[in-house]
Amino acid sequence: MYSILLSAGWPIWPLLIISIIGLAIVIERAWYLRQLHIFPKGSLETVFGLTNTIYQKKTVSESEISAIGQLSPVGSLFACILREKASSSSADSALEELQASAQSTWLKLDRYLGILATIATVAPLLGLFGTVVGMIEIFGSQGVGSPQQLAHGISIALYNTAFGLLIAIPALAAWRGLRAMANQRQHECEEFTRQLFKKLYPHTADTK
């Protein structure tokens, strides 16, 4: 493998760097976006339990609501609506705070996906750049008739093209898969939050 990298010349190193970054993002996001991580076992039951307590106009402490916010990466969204209801905020005020909290929550779910999409886009261009460098090796130097120089230039061109595609194709597939996972987690979170809102503010129309 190391000999292949040497044969591909220096343009292969940027490709190698972004491939490592892309792989790290894929592993981290695949772990982060697991349903069990976003909604740990028993967390939704805990939220509904506290919701029932508030709905029955019983007192809940700030520490109990804060604990909800620490249950999962989206716990702050649930804690927000519970805190608003516990403080007797109106439905409109609660909805406004909920929307603000939702924006920061969605950013957590989408984190690094833009970088992965950029890698999928840039990798073929870096491969093309390596191909151009290989062509320059062939035609831009003296002694163009040398078979060794010709073979070296062609190897740089082909290796970089192949590596660029080898990185871009899995990166694009991974981005699409992780994008779908993030959208699914967001949809699940929105549905659960809508149920909480209807429970705490039964006379308010469904939120969007």
Protein backbone atom coordinates (compact mmCIF):
# COMPACT_ATOMS: atom_id res chain seq x y z
CA MET A 1 0.00 0.00 0.00
CA TYR A 2 2.80 2.39 0.87
CA SER A 3 4.47 1.68 -2.48
CA ILE A 4 1.22 2.63 -4.23
CA LEU A 5 1.11 5.91 -2.35
CA LEU A 6 4.68 6.63 -3.38
CA SER A 7 3.88 5.76 -6.98
CA ALA A 8 0.92 8.16 -6.95
CA GLY A 9 3.16 11.10 -6.07
CA TRP A 10 2.55 14.00 -3.74
CA PRO A 11 -1.00 14.84 -4.99
CA ILE A 12 -2.25 11.68 -3.26
CA TRP A 13 -1.56 13.04 0.24
CA PRO A 14 -4.42 15.58 0.30
CA LEU A 15 -6.70 12.77 -0.79
CA LEU A 16 -5.39 10.56 1.99
CA ILE A 17 -5.95 13.31 4.57
CA ILE A 18 -9.56 13.99 3.57
CA SER A 19 -10.27 10.25 3.45
CA ILE A 20 -9.20 9.94 7.09
CA ILE A 21 -11.33 12.94 8.03
CA GLY A 22 -14.30 11.51 6.15
CA LEU A 23 -13.96 8.11 7.78
CA ALA A 24 -13.81 9.70 11.23
CA ILE A 25 -16.99 11.69 10.49
CA VAL A 26 -18.84 8.62 9.23
CA ILE A 27 -17.96 6.60 12.33
CA GLU A 28 -18.81 9.44 14.74
CA ARG A 29 -22.12 10.33 13.06
CA ALA A 30 -23.21 6.69 12.71
CA TRP A 31 -22.70 6.25 16.46
CA TYR A 32 -24.25 9.60 17.39
CA LEU A 33 -27.40 9.21 15.28
CA ARG A 34 -28.32 5.78 16.61
CA GLN A 35 -31.89 5.76 17.89
CA LEU A 36 -30.71 4.30 21.21
CA HIS A 37 -28.35 7.25 21.65
CA ILE A 38 -30.88 9.93 20.73
CA PHE A 39 -33.66 8.25 22.72
CA PRO A 40 -32.00 6.16 25.46
CA LYS A 41 -34.00 3.32 26.96
CA GLY A 42 -36.56 4.64 29.40
CA SER A 43 -35.95 8.31 28.56
CA LEU A 44 -39.29 8.89 26.82
CA GLU A 45 -41.14 7.24 29.69
CA THR A 46 -39.34 9.54 32.11
CA VAL A 47 -40.32 12.60 30.09
CA PHE A 48 -43.96 11.52 29.89
CA GLY A 49 -43.97 10.79 33.61
CA LEU A 50 -42.84 14.31 34.41
CA THR A 51 -45.31 15.67 31.85
CA ASN A 52 -48.16 13.94 33.66
CA THR A 53 -46.98 15.40 36.94
CA ILE A 54 -47.00 18.93 35.51
CA TYR A 55 -50.33 18.34 33.75
CA GLN A 56 -51.86 17.37 37.09
CA LYS A 57 -50.63 20.73 38.40
CA LYS A 58 -48.19 19.14 40.79
CA THR A 59 -44.95 20.89 41.63
CA VAL A 60 -41.73 19.77 39.93
CA SER A 61 -38.28 21.04 40.76
CA GLU A 62 -35.85 22.71 38.38
CA SER A 63 -33.40 19.88 39.06
CA GLU A 64 -35.93 17.35 37.74
CA ILE A 65 -36.41 19.35 34.55
CA SER A 66 -32.66 19.86 34.16
CA ALA A 67 -32.19 16.10 34.51
CA ILE A 68 -34.49 15.66 31.50
CA GLY A 69 -32.19 17.94 29.53
CA GLN A 70 -29.25 15.65 30.32
CA LEU A 71 -30.99 12.42 29.33
CA SER A 72 -30.06 12.58 25.65
CA PRO A 73 -28.71 14.91 22.95
CA VAL A 74 -32.28 16.13 22.31
CA GLY A 75 -33.24 16.28 25.98
CA SER A 76 -32.88 20.07 26.05
CA LEU A 77 -35.84 20.29 23.66
CA PHE A 78 -38.06 18.32 26.04
CA ALA A 79 -36.76 20.21 29.06
CA CYS A 80 -37.61 23.49 27.33
CA ILE A 81 -41.31 22.73 26.93
CA LEU A 82 -41.57 21.28 30.44
CA ARG A 83 -39.87 24.34 31.92
CA GLU A 84 -42.19 26.69 30.06
CA LYS A 85 -45.27 24.86 31.28
CA ALA A 86 -43.95 24.65 34.84
CA SER A 87 -43.45 28.41 34.83
CA SER A 88 -47.05 28.89 33.60
CA SER A 89 -46.01 30.40 30.28
CA SER A 90 -48.65 30.86 27.61
CA ALA A 91 -48.86 28.49 24.67
CA ASP A 92 -47.54 31.15 22.27
CA SER A 93 -44.57 31.93 24.50
CA ALA A 94 -43.82 28.22 24.97
CA LEU A 95 -44.00 27.63 21.23
CA GLU A 96 -41.58 30.47 20.55
CA GLU A 97 -39.06 29.10 23.04
CA LEU A 98 -39.56 25.60 21.69
CA GLN A 99 -38.79 26.68 18.13
CA ALA A 100 -35.60 28.42 19.27
CA SER A 101 -34.50 25.31 21.17
CA ALA A 102 -35.36 23.11 18.19
CA GLN A 103 -32.98 25.02 15.92
CA SER A 104 -30.00 24.29 18.17
CA THR A 105 -31.11 20.66 18.50
CA TRP A 106 -31.28 20.15 14.73
CA LEU A 107 -27.79 21.62 14.43
CA LYS A 108 -26.53 18.86 16.73
CA LEU A 109 -28.07 16.23 14.47
CA ASP A 110 -26.63 17.82 11.31
CA ARG A 111 -23.14 18.44 12.70
CA TYR A 112 -20.26 17.52 10.34
CA LEU A 113 -22.60 16.33 7.56
CA GLY A 114 -21.74 19.43 5.53
CA ILE A 115 -18.06 18.55 5.78
CA LEU A 116 -18.76 15.01 4.58
CA ALA A 117 -20.72 16.35 1.60
CA THR A 118 -17.81 18.67 0.80
CA ILE A 119 -15.38 15.74 0.88
CA ALA A 120 -17.60 13.82 -1.55
CA THR A 121 -17.52 16.83 -3.88
CA VAL A 122 -13.86 17.76 -3.53
CA ALA A 123 -12.32 14.26 -3.76
CA PRO A 124 -12.92 13.79 -7.52
CA LEU A 125 -11.54 17.29 -8.14
CA LEU A 126 -8.39 16.47 -6.19
CA GLY A 127 -8.13 13.26 -8.21
CA LEU A 128 -8.45 15.29 -11.39
CA PHE A 129 -5.78 17.64 -10.09
CA GLY A 130 -3.47 14.66 -9.58
CA THR A 131 -4.24 13.54 -13.11
CA VAL A 132 -3.21 16.94 -14.45
CA VAL A 133 -0.01 16.77 -12.40
CA GLY A 134 0.69 13.36 -13.94
CA MET A 135 0.17 14.75 -17.43
CA ILE A 136 2.56 17.59 -16.64
CA GLU A 137 5.11 15.01 -15.50
CA ILE A 138 4.80 13.38 -18.90
CA PHE A 139 4.73 16.35 -21.22
CA GLY A 140 6.20 19.22 -19.23
CA SER A 141 9.69 17.91 -18.54
CA GLN A 142 12.71 17.33 -20.72
CA GLY A 143 13.35 13.84 -21.95
CA VAL A 144 9.71 13.13 -22.77
CA GLY A 145 10.68 10.03 -24.66
CA SER A 146 11.92 8.21 -21.57
CA PRO A 147 9.76 5.11 -20.91
CA GLN A 148 10.41 5.40 -17.17
CA GLN A 149 9.22 9.00 -17.07
CA LEU A 150 6.21 8.15 -19.21
CA ALA A 151 5.25 5.27 -16.91
CA HIS A 152 5.73 7.43 -13.83
CA GLY A 153 3.52 10.20 -15.20
CA ILE A 154 0.79 7.76 -16.21
CA SER A 155 0.88 6.07 -12.78
CA ILE A 156 0.45 9.44 -11.03
CA ALA A 157 -2.49 10.29 -13.29
CA LEU A 158 -4.29 6.96 -12.92
CA TYR A 159 -3.65 6.45 -9.19
CA ASN A 160 -4.94 9.90 -8.32
CA THR A 161 -8.03 9.50 -10.48
CA ALA A 162 -8.77 6.13 -8.92
CA PHE A 163 -8.20 7.35 -5.35
CA GLY A 164 -10.38 10.40 -5.93
CA LEU A 165 -13.28 8.21 -7.06
CA LEU A 166 -12.57 5.63 -4.36
CA ILE A 167 -13.02 8.33 -1.71
CA ALA A 168 -15.88 10.25 -3.32
CA ILE A 169 -18.24 7.34 -3.97
CA PRO A 170 -18.32 5.95 -0.38
CA ALA A 171 -18.38 9.50 1.03
CA LEU A 172 -21.41 10.38 -1.06
CA ALA A 173 -23.19 7.14 -0.13
CA ALA A 174 -22.36 7.66 3.55
CA TRP A 175 -23.58 11.26 3.42
CA ARG A 176 -26.91 10.21 1.94
CA GLY A 177 -27.33 7.47 4.54
CA LEU A 178 -26.41 9.72 7.47
CA ARG A 179 -28.59 12.52 6.08
CA ALA A 180 -31.53 10.09 6.06
CA MET A 181 -30.73 9.03 9.64
CA ALA A 182 -30.59 12.65 10.81
CA ASN A 183 -33.90 13.42 9.11
CA GLN A 184 -35.48 10.35 10.71
CA ARG A 185 -34.27 11.30 14.19
CA GLN A 186 -35.55 14.84 13.64
CA HIS A 187 -38.94 13.55 12.54
CA GLU A 188 -39.18 11.27 15.59
CA CYS A 189 -38.20 14.14 17.88
CA GLU A 190 -40.74 16.48 16.30
CA GLU A 191 -43.50 13.91 16.69
CA PHE A 192 -42.69 13.26 20.33
CA THR A 193 -42.47 17.00 21.06
CA ARG A 194 -45.82 17.54 19.35
CA GLN A 195 -47.38 14.95 21.63
CA LEU A 196 -45.91 16.65 24.68
CA PHE A 197 -47.17 20.04 23.54
CA LYS A 198 -50.68 18.72 22.96
CA LYS A 199 -50.62 17.08 26.37
CA LEU A 200 -49.52 20.24 28.18
CA TYR A 201 -51.51 22.67 26.04
CA PRO A 202 -54.57 20.65 25.01
CA HIS A 203 -56.51 23.64 23.64
CA THR A 204 -53.76 24.67 21.25
CA ALA A 205 -53.63 23.60 17.61
CA ASP A 206 -50.98 21.14 16.53
CA THR A 207 -47.54 22.67 16.10
CA LYS A 208 -45.74 22.48 12.80
